[in-house]
PDB file of N, CA and C in Angstrom:
ATOM      1  N   MET A   1      85.182  63.610 268.907  1.00  0.00           N
ATOM      2  CA  MET A   1      85.545  64.908 268.380  1.00  0.00           C
ATOM      3  C   MET A   1      85.899  64.754 266.904  1.00  0.00           C
ATOM      4  N   GLN A   2      85.568  65.729 266.124  1.00  0.00           N
ATOM      5  CA  GLN A   2      85.814  65.655 264.697  1.00  0.00           C
ATOM      6  C   GLN A   2      87.307  65.592 264.392  1.00  0.00           C
ATOM      7  N   GLN A   3      87.607  64.909 263.324  1.00  0.00           N
ATOM      8  CA  GLN A   3      88.994  64.773 262.888  1.00  0.00           C
ATOM      9  C   GLN A   3      89.626  66.135 262.619  1.00  0.00           C
ATOM     10  N   TYR A   4      88.819  67.091 262.160  1.00  0.00           N
ATOM     11  CA  TYR A   4      89.317  68.434 261.869  1.00  0.00           C
ATOM     12  C   TYR A   4      89.986  69.047 263.090  1.00  0.00           C
ATOM     13  N   TYR A   5      89.307  68.963 264.245  1.00  0.00           N
ATOM     14  CA  TYR A   5      89.867  69.540 265.465  1.00  0.00           C
ATOM     15  C   TYR A   5      91.109  68.798 265.919  1.00  0.00           C
ATOM     16  N   LYS A   6      91.097  67.478 265.783  1.00  0.00           N
ATOM     17  CA  LYS A   6      92.268  66.693 266.170  1.00  0.00           C
ATOM     18  C   LYS A   6      93.487  67.121 265.356  1.00  0.00           C
ATOM     19  N   THR A   7      93.281  67.378 264.087  1.00  0.00           N
ATOM     20  CA  THR A   7      94.370  67.820 263.217  1.00  0.00           C
ATOM     21  C   THR A   7      94.891  69.183 263.655  1.00  0.00           C
ATOM     22  N   ILE A   8      93.983  70.088 263.956  1.00  0.00           N
ATOM     23  CA  ILE A   8      94.378  71.430 264.392  1.00  0.00           C
ATOM     24  C   ILE A   8      95.120  71.357 265.720  1.00  0.00           C
ATOM     25  N   PHE A   9      94.580  70.578 266.669  1.00  0.00           N
ATOM     26  CA  PHE A   9      95.246  70.438 267.964  1.00  0.00           C
ATOM     27  C   PHE A   9      96.661  69.899 267.789  1.00  0.00           C
ATOM     28  N   LYS A  10      96.819  68.947 266.892  1.00  0.00           N
ATOM     29  CA  LYS A  10      98.137  68.356 266.653  1.00  0.00           C
ATOM     30  C   LYS A  10      99.094  69.394 266.070  1.00  0.00           C
ATOM     31  N   GLU A  11      98.614  70.158 265.079  1.00  0.00           N
ATOM     32  CA  GLU A  11      99.453  71.183 264.446  1.00  0.00           C
ATOM     33  C   GLU A  11      99.875  72.253 265.460  1.00  0.00           C
ATOM     34  N   VAL A  12      98.939  72.707 266.265  1.00  0.00           N
ATOM     35  CA  VAL A  12      99.235  73.740 267.266  1.00  0.00           C
ATOM     36  C   VAL A  12     100.215  73.202 268.300  1.00  0.00           C
ATOM     37  N   ALA A  13      99.995  71.967 268.728  1.00  0.00           N
ATOM     38  CA  ALA A  13     100.888  71.352 269.718  1.00  0.00           C
ATOM     39  C   ALA A  13     102.317  71.284 269.183  1.00  0.00           C
ATOM     40  N   GLU A  14     102.470  70.879 267.924  1.00  0.00           N
ATOM     41  CA  GLU A  14     103.807  70.796 267.326  1.00  0.00           C
ATOM     42  C   GLU A  14     104.438  72.179 267.196  1.00  0.00           C
ATOM     43  N   GLU A  15     103.627  73.145 266.791  1.00  0.00           N
ATOM     44  CA  GLU A  15     104.133  74.502 266.600  1.00  0.00           C
ATOM     45  C   GLU A  15     104.593  75.129 267.914  1.00  0.00           C
ATOM     46  N   LEU A  16     103.852  74.878 268.993  1.00  0.00           N
ATOM     47  CA  LEU A  16     104.159  75.498 270.280  1.00  0.00           C
ATOM     48  C   LEU A  16     105.033  74.621 271.183  1.00  0.00           C
ATOM     49  N   GLY A  17     105.209  73.380 270.782  1.00  0.00           N
ATOM     50  CA  GLY A  17     106.029  72.480 271.583  1.00  0.00           C
ATOM     51  C   GLY A  17     105.363  72.040 272.877  1.00  0.00           C
ATOM     52  N   ILE A  18     104.046  71.890 272.845  1.00  0.00           N
ATOM     53  CA  ILE A  18     103.307  71.403 274.008  1.00  0.00           C
ATOM     54  C   ILE A  18     102.483  70.188 273.582  1.00  0.00           C
ATOM     55  N   SER A  19     101.908  69.502 274.546  1.00  0.00           N
ATOM     56  CA  SER A  19     101.150  68.295 274.224  1.00  0.00           C
ATOM     57  C   SER A  19      99.788  68.638 273.611  1.00  0.00           C
ATOM     58  N   GLU A  20      99.264  67.673 272.842  1.00  0.00           N
ATOM     59  CA  GLU A  20      97.934  67.860 272.258  1.00  0.00           C
ATOM     60  C   GLU A  20      96.872  67.990 273.350  1.00  0.00           C
ATOM     61  N   SER A  21      97.046  67.264 274.440  1.00  0.00           N
ATOM     62  CA  SER A  21      96.059  67.351 275.530  1.00  0.00           C
ATOM     63  C   SER A  21      96.059  68.745 276.159  1.00  0.00           C
ATOM     64  N   ASP A  22      97.239  69.379 276.234  1.00  0.00           N
ATOM     65  CA  ASP A  22      97.301  70.750 276.758  1.00  0.00           C
ATOM     66  C   ASP A  22      96.600  71.717 275.805  1.00  0.00           C
ATOM     67  N   VAL A  23      96.798  71.538 274.512  1.00  0.00           N
ATOM     68  CA  VAL A  23      96.146  72.398 273.514  1.00  0.00           C
ATOM     69  C   VAL A  23      94.636  72.240 273.624  1.00  0.00           C
ATOM     70  N   ARG A  24      94.188  70.988 273.722  1.00  0.00           N
ATOM     71  CA  ARG A  24      92.756  70.721 273.838  1.00  0.00           C
ATOM     72  C   ARG A  24      92.191  71.369 275.104  1.00  0.00           C
ATOM     73  N   LYS A  25      92.885  71.240 276.227  1.00  0.00           N
ATOM     74  CA  LYS A  25      92.438  71.829 277.491  1.00  0.00           C
ATOM     75  C   LYS A  25      92.350  73.351 277.388  1.00  0.00           C
ATOM     76  N   ILE A  26      93.359  73.970 276.800  1.00  0.00           N
ATOM     77  CA  ILE A  26      93.361  75.423 276.642  1.00  0.00           C
ATOM     78  C   ILE A  26      92.184  75.867 275.784  1.00  0.00           C
ATOM     79  N   TYR A  27      91.971  75.170 274.679  1.00  0.00           N
ATOM     80  CA  TYR A  27      90.873  75.508 273.777  1.00  0.00           C
ATOM     81  C   TYR A  27      89.536  75.415 274.499  1.00  0.00           C
ATOM     82  N   PHE A  28      89.300  74.309 275.197  1.00  0.00           N
ATOM     83  CA  PHE A  28      88.007  74.120 275.854  1.00  0.00           C
ATOM     84  C   PHE A  28      87.846  74.989 277.094  1.00  0.00           C
ATOM     85  N   ASP A  29      88.929  75.332 277.766  1.00  0.00           N
ATOM     86  CA  ASP A  29      88.826  76.283 278.874  1.00  0.00           C
ATOM     87  C   ASP A  29      88.324  77.631 278.372  1.00  0.00           C
ATOM     88  N   PHE A  30      88.856  78.064 277.233  1.00  0.00           N
ATOM     89  CA  PHE A  30      88.433  79.325 276.625  1.00  0.00           C
ATOM     90  C   PHE A  30      86.960  79.246 276.231  1.00  0.00           C
ATOM     91  N   TYR A  31      86.588  78.154 275.595  1.00  0.00           N
ATOM     92  CA  TYR A  31      85.203  77.940 275.169  1.00  0.00           C
ATOM     93  C   TYR A  31      84.261  77.952 276.384  1.00  0.00           C
ATOM     94  N   HIS A  32      84.610  77.206 277.426  1.00  0.00           N
ATOM     95  CA  HIS A  32      83.757  77.125 278.606  1.00  0.00           C
ATOM     96  C   HIS A  32      83.671  78.470 279.339  1.00  0.00           C
ATOM     97  N   PHE A  33      84.728  79.255 279.305  1.00  0.00           N
ATOM     98  CA  PHE A  33      84.688  80.594 279.906  1.00  0.00           C
ATOM     99  C   PHE A  33      83.597  81.429 279.232  1.00  0.00           C
ATOM    100  N   ILE A  34      83.571  81.435 277.912  1.00  0.00           N
ATOM    101  CA  ILE A  34      82.574  82.223 277.189  1.00  0.00           C
ATOM    102  C   ILE A  34      81.174  81.683 277.457  1.00  0.00           C
ATOM    103  N   VAL A  35      81.001  80.375 277.410  1.00  0.00           N
ATOM    104  CA  VAL A  35      79.686  79.777 277.667  1.00  0.00           C
ATOM    105  C   VAL A  35      79.204  80.129 279.073  1.00  0.00           C
ATOM    106  N   ASP A  36      80.079  80.025 280.058  1.00  0.00           N
ATOM    107  CA  ASP A  36      79.699  80.351 281.435  1.00  0.00           C
ATOM    108  C   ASP A  36      79.311  81.814 281.575  1.00  0.00           C
ATOM    109  N   LYS A  37      80.048  82.702 280.932  1.00  0.00           N
ATOM    110  CA  LYS A  37      79.721  84.131 280.996  1.00  0.00           C
ATOM    111  C   LYS A  37      78.368  84.417 280.352  1.00  0.00           C
ATOM    112  N   VAL A  38      78.091  83.787 279.227  1.00  0.00           N
ATOM    113  CA  VAL A  38      76.815  84.000 278.541  1.00  0.00           C
ATOM    114  C   VAL A  38      75.664  83.492 279.401  1.00  0.00           C
ATOM    115  N   LYS A  39      75.868  82.380 280.100  1.00  0.00           N
ATOM    116  CA  LYS A  39      74.825  81.853 280.980  1.00  0.00           C
ATOM    117  C   LYS A  39      74.502  82.802 282.131  1.00  0.00           C
ATOM    118  N   GLU A  40      75.453  83.654 282.493  1.00  0.00           N
ATOM    119  CA  GLU A  40      75.237  84.618 283.568  1.00  0.00           C
ATOM    120  C   GLU A  40      74.403  85.825 283.128  1.00  0.00           C
ATOM    121  N   PHE A  41      74.227  86.023 281.840  1.00  0.00           N
ATOM    122  CA  PHE A  41      73.465  87.173 281.361  1.00  0.00           C
ATOM    123  C   PHE A  41      72.039  87.105 281.900  1.00  0.00           C
ATOM    124  N   PRO A  42      71.480  88.238 282.295  1.00  0.00           N
ATOM    125  CA  PRO A  42      70.112  88.254 282.827  1.00  0.00           C
ATOM    126  C   PRO A  42      69.075  88.312 281.706  1.00  0.00           C
ATOM    127  N   PHE A  43      69.199  87.432 280.741  1.00  0.00           N
ATOM    128  CA  PHE A  43      68.313  87.475 279.584  1.00  0.00           C
ATOM    129  C   PHE A  43      66.922  86.932 279.868  1.00  0.00           C
ATOM    130  N   ASP A  44      66.713  86.360 281.046  1.00  0.00           N
ATOM    131  CA  ASP A  44      65.387  85.893 281.381  1.00  0.00           C
ATOM    132  C   ASP A  44      64.493  87.042 281.844  1.00  0.00           C
ATOM    133  N   ASN A  45      65.085  88.212 282.033  1.00  0.00           N
ATOM    134  CA  ASN A  45      64.351  89.403 282.462  1.00  0.00           C
ATOM    135  C   ASN A  45      63.822  90.124 281.221  1.00  0.00           C
ATOM    136  N   ASP A  46      62.508  90.155 281.067  1.00  0.00           N
ATOM    137  CA  ASP A  46      61.902  90.803 279.891  1.00  0.00           C
ATOM    138  C   ASP A  46      61.971  92.322 279.945  1.00  0.00           C
ATOM    139  N   ASN A  47      62.234  92.870 281.117  1.00  0.00           N
ATOM    140  CA  ASN A  47      62.168  94.316 281.288  1.00  0.00           C
ATOM    141  C   ASN A  47      63.535  94.982 281.385  1.00  0.00           C
ATOM    142  N   ILE A  48      64.572  94.332 280.930  1.00  0.00           N
ATOM    143  CA  ILE A  48      65.905  94.940 281.010  1.00  0.00           C
ATOM    144  C   ILE A  48      65.962  96.137 280.055  1.00  0.00           C
ATOM    145  N   SER A  49      66.459  97.235 280.551  1.00  0.00           N
ATOM    146  CA  SER A  49      66.536  98.446 279.735  1.00  0.00           C
ATOM    147  C   SER A  49      67.791  98.407 278.869  1.00  0.00           C
ATOM    148  N   GLU A  50      67.791  99.231 277.845  1.00  0.00           N
ATOM    149  CA  GLU A  50      68.963  99.296 276.970  1.00  0.00           C
ATOM    150  C   GLU A  50      70.182  99.776 277.752  1.00  0.00           C
ATOM    151  N   GLU A  51      69.964 100.689 278.682  1.00  0.00           N
ATOM    152  CA  GLU A  51      71.062 101.199 279.512  1.00  0.00           C
ATOM    153  C   GLU A  51      71.662 100.083 280.373  1.00  0.00           C
ATOM    154  N   ASP A  52      70.800  99.280 280.995  1.00  0.00           N
ATOM    155  CA  ASP A  52      71.281  98.155 281.807  1.00  0.00           C
ATOM    156  C   ASP A  52      71.948  97.095 280.938  1.00  0.00           C
ATOM    157  N   PHE A  53      71.412  96.884 279.749  1.00  0.00           N
ATOM    158  CA  PHE A  53      71.986  95.901 278.832  1.00  0.00           C
ATOM    159  C   PHE A  53      73.415  96.294 278.453  1.00  0.00           C
ATOM    160  N   LYS A  54      73.624  97.585 278.246  1.00  0.00           N
ATOM    161  CA  LYS A  54      74.954  98.062 277.850  1.00  0.00           C
ATOM    162  C   LYS A  54      75.992  97.896 278.959  1.00  0.00           C
ATOM    163  N   LYS A  55      75.548  97.754 280.202  1.00  0.00           N
ATOM    164  CA  LYS A  55      76.470  97.551 281.320  1.00  0.00           C
ATOM    165  C   LYS A  55      76.996  96.119 281.386  1.00  0.00           C
ATOM    166  N   ILE A  56      76.312  95.206 280.687  1.00  0.00           N
ATOM    167  CA  ILE A  56      76.696  93.794 280.690  1.00  0.00           C
ATOM    168  C   ILE A  56      77.766  93.568 279.626  1.00  0.00           C
ATOM    169  N   ARG A  57      78.773  92.793 279.971  1.00  0.00           N
ATOM    170  CA  ARG A  57      79.809  92.468 278.975  1.00  0.00           C
ATOM    171  C   ARG A  57      79.222  91.426 278.026  1.00  0.00           C
ATOM    172  N   THR A  58      78.862  91.874 276.829  1.00  0.00           N
ATOM    173  CA  THR A  58      78.242  90.982 275.846  1.00  0.00           C
ATOM    174  C   THR A  58      79.116  90.832 274.610  1.00  0.00           C
ATOM    175  N   SER A  59      80.392  91.104 274.753  1.00  0.00           N
ATOM    176  CA  SER A  59      81.301  91.059 273.619  1.00  0.00           C
ATOM    177  C   SER A  59      82.566  90.296 274.001  1.00  0.00           C
ATOM    178  N   PHE A  60      82.958  89.380 273.126  1.00  0.00           N
ATOM    179  CA  PHE A  60      84.166  88.589 273.354  1.00  0.00           C
ATOM    180  C   PHE A  60      84.991  88.589 272.078  1.00  0.00           C
ATOM    181  N   ASN A  61      86.261  88.921 272.212  1.00  0.00           N
ATOM    182  CA  ASN A  61      87.166  88.905 271.066  1.00  0.00           C
ATOM    183  C   ASN A  61      87.917  87.581 271.072  1.00  0.00           C
ATOM    184  N   VAL A  62      87.718  86.804 270.028  1.00  0.00           N
ATOM    185  CA  VAL A  62      88.362  85.503 269.913  1.00  0.00           C
ATOM    186  C   VAL A  62      89.434  85.611 268.831  1.00  0.00           C
ATOM    187  N   PRO A  63      90.700  85.498 269.225  1.00  0.00           N
ATOM    188  CA  PRO A  63      91.783  85.609 268.241  1.00  0.00           C
ATOM    189  C   PRO A  63      91.575  84.659 267.060  1.00  0.00           C
ATOM    190  N   SER A  64      91.807  85.176 265.891  1.00  0.00           N
ATOM    191  CA  SER A  64      91.688  84.452 264.620  1.00  0.00           C
ATOM    192  C   SER A  64      90.254  84.192 264.187  1.00  0.00           C
ATOM    193  N   LEU A  65      89.283  84.413 265.054  1.00  0.00           N
ATOM    194  CA  LEU A  65      87.881  84.233 264.673  1.00  0.00           C
ATOM    195  C   LEU A  65      87.122  85.550 264.627  1.00  0.00           C
ATOM    196  N   GLY A  66      87.522  86.493 265.462  1.00  0.00           N
ATOM    197  CA  GLY A  66      86.868  87.790 265.464  1.00  0.00           C
ATOM    198  C   GLY A  66      86.105  88.041 266.742  1.00  0.00           C
ATOM    199  N   LYS A  67      85.257  89.050 266.687  1.00  0.00           N
ATOM    200  CA  LYS A  67      84.513  89.486 267.870  1.00  0.00           C
ATOM    201  C   LYS A  67      83.101  88.902 267.825  1.00  0.00           C
ATOM    202  N   PHE A  68      82.705  88.311 268.945  1.00  0.00           N
ATOM    203  CA  PHE A  68      81.348  87.817 269.114  1.00  0.00           C
ATOM    204  C   PHE A  68      80.652  88.766 270.072  1.00  0.00           C
ATOM    205  N   ASN A  69      79.477  89.232 269.675  1.00  0.00           N
ATOM    206  CA  ASN A  69      78.761  90.136 270.572  1.00  0.00           C
ATOM    207  C   ASN A  69      77.261  89.970 270.438  1.00  0.00           C
ATOM    208  N   ALA A  70      76.567  90.493 271.412  1.00  0.00           N
ATOM    209  CA  ALA A  70      75.107  90.489 271.420  1.00  0.00           C
ATOM    210  C   ALA A  70      74.660  91.931 271.566  1.00  0.00           C
ATOM    211  N   SER A  71      73.870  92.392 270.641  1.00  0.00           N
ATOM    212  CA  SER A  71      73.373  93.762 270.700  1.00  0.00           C
ATOM    213  C   SER A  71      72.006  93.782 271.385  1.00  0.00           C
ATOM    214  N   TYR A  72      71.629  94.954 271.871  1.00  0.00           N
ATOM    215  CA  TYR A  72      70.321  95.108 272.511  1.00  0.00           C
ATOM    216  C   TYR A  72      69.202  94.851 271.502  1.00  0.00           C
ATOM    217  N   LYS A  73      69.397  95.284 270.275  1.00  0.00           N
ATOM    218  CA  LYS A  73      68.401  95.073 269.220  1.00  0.00           C
ATOM    219  C   LYS A  73      68.200  93.574 268.983  1.00  0.00           C
ATOM    220  N   ARG A  74      69.290  92.834 268.934  1.00  0.00           N
ATOM    221  CA  ARG A  74      69.211  91.381 268.732  1.00  0.00           C
ATOM    222  C   ARG A  74      68.528  90.712 269.928  1.00  0.00           C
ATOM    223  N   TYR A  75      68.853  91.165 271.117  1.00  0.00           N
ATOM    224  CA  TYR A  75      68.232  90.641 272.334  1.00  0.00           C
ATOM    225  C   TYR A  75      66.713  90.824 272.278  1.00  0.00           C
ATOM    226  N   LYS A  76      66.261  92.021 271.936  1.00  0.00           N
ATOM    227  CA  LYS A  76      64.826  92.295 271.866  1.00  0.00           C
ATOM    228  C   LYS A  76      64.153  91.448 270.782  1.00  0.00           C
ATOM    229  N   ASN A  77      64.834  91.268 269.658  1.00  0.00           N
ATOM    230  CA  ASN A  77      64.300  90.465 268.559  1.00  0.00           C
ATOM    231  C   ASN A  77      64.110  89.013 269.003  1.00  0.00           C
ATOM    232  N   ILE A  78      65.084  88.449 269.678  1.00  0.00           N
ATOM    233  CA  ILE A  78      64.989  87.069 270.151  1.00  0.00           C
ATOM    234  C   ILE A  78      63.876  86.930 271.183  1.00  0.00           C
ATOM    235  N   LYS A  79      63.778  87.916 272.090  1.00  0.00           N
ATOM    236  CA  LYS A  79      62.708  87.890 273.092  1.00  0.00           C
ATOM    237  C   LYS A  79      61.330  87.928 272.422  1.00  0.00           C
ATOM    238  N   SER A  80      61.205  88.730 271.380  1.00  0.00           N
ATOM    239  CA  SER A  80      59.944  88.837 270.654  1.00  0.00           C
ATOM    240  C   SER A  80      59.583  87.503 269.995  1.00  0.00           C
ATOM    241  N   LYS A  81      60.562  86.863 269.379  1.00  0.00           N
ATOM    242  CA  LYS A  81      60.318  85.571 268.741  1.00  0.00           C
ATOM    243  C   LYS A  81      59.957  84.508 269.766  1.00  0.00           C
ATOM    244  N   LYS A  82      60.613  84.539 270.911  1.00  0.00           N
ATOM    245  CA  LYS A  82      60.321  83.587 271.979  1.00  0.00           C
ATOM    246  C   LYS A  82      58.891  83.770 272.476  1.00  0.00           C
ATOM    247  N   ARG A  83      58.504  85.014 272.688  1.00  0.00           N
ATOM    248  CA  ARG A  83      57.146  85.323 273.147  1.00  0.00           C
ATOM    249  C   ARG A  83      56.108  84.843 272.120  1.00  0.00           C
ATOM    250  N   TYR A  84      56.378  85.091 270.829  1.00  0.00           N
ATOM    251  CA  TYR A  84      55.472  84.642 269.766  1.00  0.00           C
ATOM    252  C   TYR A  84      55.342  83.120 269.790  1.00  0.00           C
ATOM    253  N   TYR A  85      56.480  82.449 269.923  1.00  0.00           N
ATOM    254  CA  TYR A  85      56.487  80.987 269.974  1.00  0.00           C
ATOM    255  C   TYR A  85      55.653  80.478 271.145  1.00  0.00           C
ATOM    256  N   GLU A  86      55.870  81.070 272.308  1.00  0.00           N
ATOM    257  CA  GLU A  86      55.151  80.626 273.505  1.00  0.00           C
ATOM    258  C   GLU A  86      53.651  80.879 273.401  1.00  0.00           C
ATOM    259  N   GLU A  87      53.258  81.966 272.747  1.00  0.00           N
ATOM    260  CA  GLU A  87      51.841  82.317 272.659  1.00  0.00           C
ATOM    261  C   GLU A  87      51.118  81.630 271.512  1.00  0.00           C
ATOM    262  N   ASN A  88      51.827  81.314 270.432  1.00  0.00           N
ATOM    263  CA  ASN A  88      51.151  80.851 269.227  1.00  0.00           C
ATOM    264  C   ASN A  88      51.503  79.448 268.754  1.00  0.00           C
ATOM    265  N   ILE A  89      52.623  78.931 269.172  1.00  0.00           N
ATOM    266  CA  ILE A  89      53.065  77.662 268.598  1.00  0.00           C
ATOM    267  C   ILE A  89      53.021  76.519 269.602  1.00  0.00           C
ATOM    268  N   LYS A  90      53.513  76.755 270.786  1.00  0.00           N
ATOM    269  CA  LYS A  90      53.522  75.687 271.787  1.00  0.00           C
ATOM    270  C   LYS A  90      52.112  75.327 272.210  1.00  0.00           C
ATOM    271  N   ASP A  91      51.870  74.023 272.377  1.00  0.00           N
ATOM    272  CA  ASP A  91      50.592  73.640 272.958  1.00  0.00           C
ATOM    273  C   ASP A  91      50.729  73.601 274.485  1.00  0.00           C
ATOM    274  N   LYS A  92      49.713  73.239 275.146  1.00  0.00           N
ATOM    275  CA  LYS A  92      49.723  73.305 276.614  1.00  0.00           C
ATOM    276  C   LYS A  92      50.737  72.372 277.246  1.00  0.00           C
ATOM    277  N   ASP A  93      51.152  71.330 276.553  1.00  0.00           N
ATOM    278  CA  ASP A  93      52.155  70.399 277.097  1.00  0.00           C
ATOM    279  C   ASP A  93      53.568  70.807 276.726  1.00  0.00           C
ATOM    280  N   GLY A  94      53.722  71.922 276.024  1.00  0.00           N
ATOM    281  CA  GLY A  94      55.054  72.393 275.653  1.00  0.00           C
ATOM    282  C   GLY A  94      55.580  71.804 274.359  1.00  0.00           C
ATOM    283  N   ARG A  95      54.721  71.098 273.650  1.00  0.00           N
ATOM    284  CA  ARG A  95      55.155  70.506 272.367  1.00  0.00           C
ATOM    285  C   ARG A  95      54.823  71.457 271.231  1.00  0.00           C
ATOM    286  N   VAL A  96      55.559  71.311 270.157  1.00  0.00           N
ATOM    287  CA  VAL A  96      55.334  72.126 268.957  1.00  0.00           C
ATOM    288  C   VAL A  96      54.233  71.491 268.150  1.00  0.00           C
TER     289      VAL A  96
END
């Protein structure tokens, strides 16, 4: 792990009066929660409607960092780029 994070974990631990390992666990639990939720998104479905997309929780507010979100427009743009890549760039063995 980068020295930067170790320094932050140490500072937070001292400020809150808890161990550095607890700070690290809390940080990574939060990170893994977001990653797990994003993996649950039905983004492999090319036919998801904007209405269905809006029903999915695609926004996470991270204190001190701000809000992370995925818009329907961004989703469609990424799908378009993926389709272009698959049709025009990848060879039959999946190599670039």
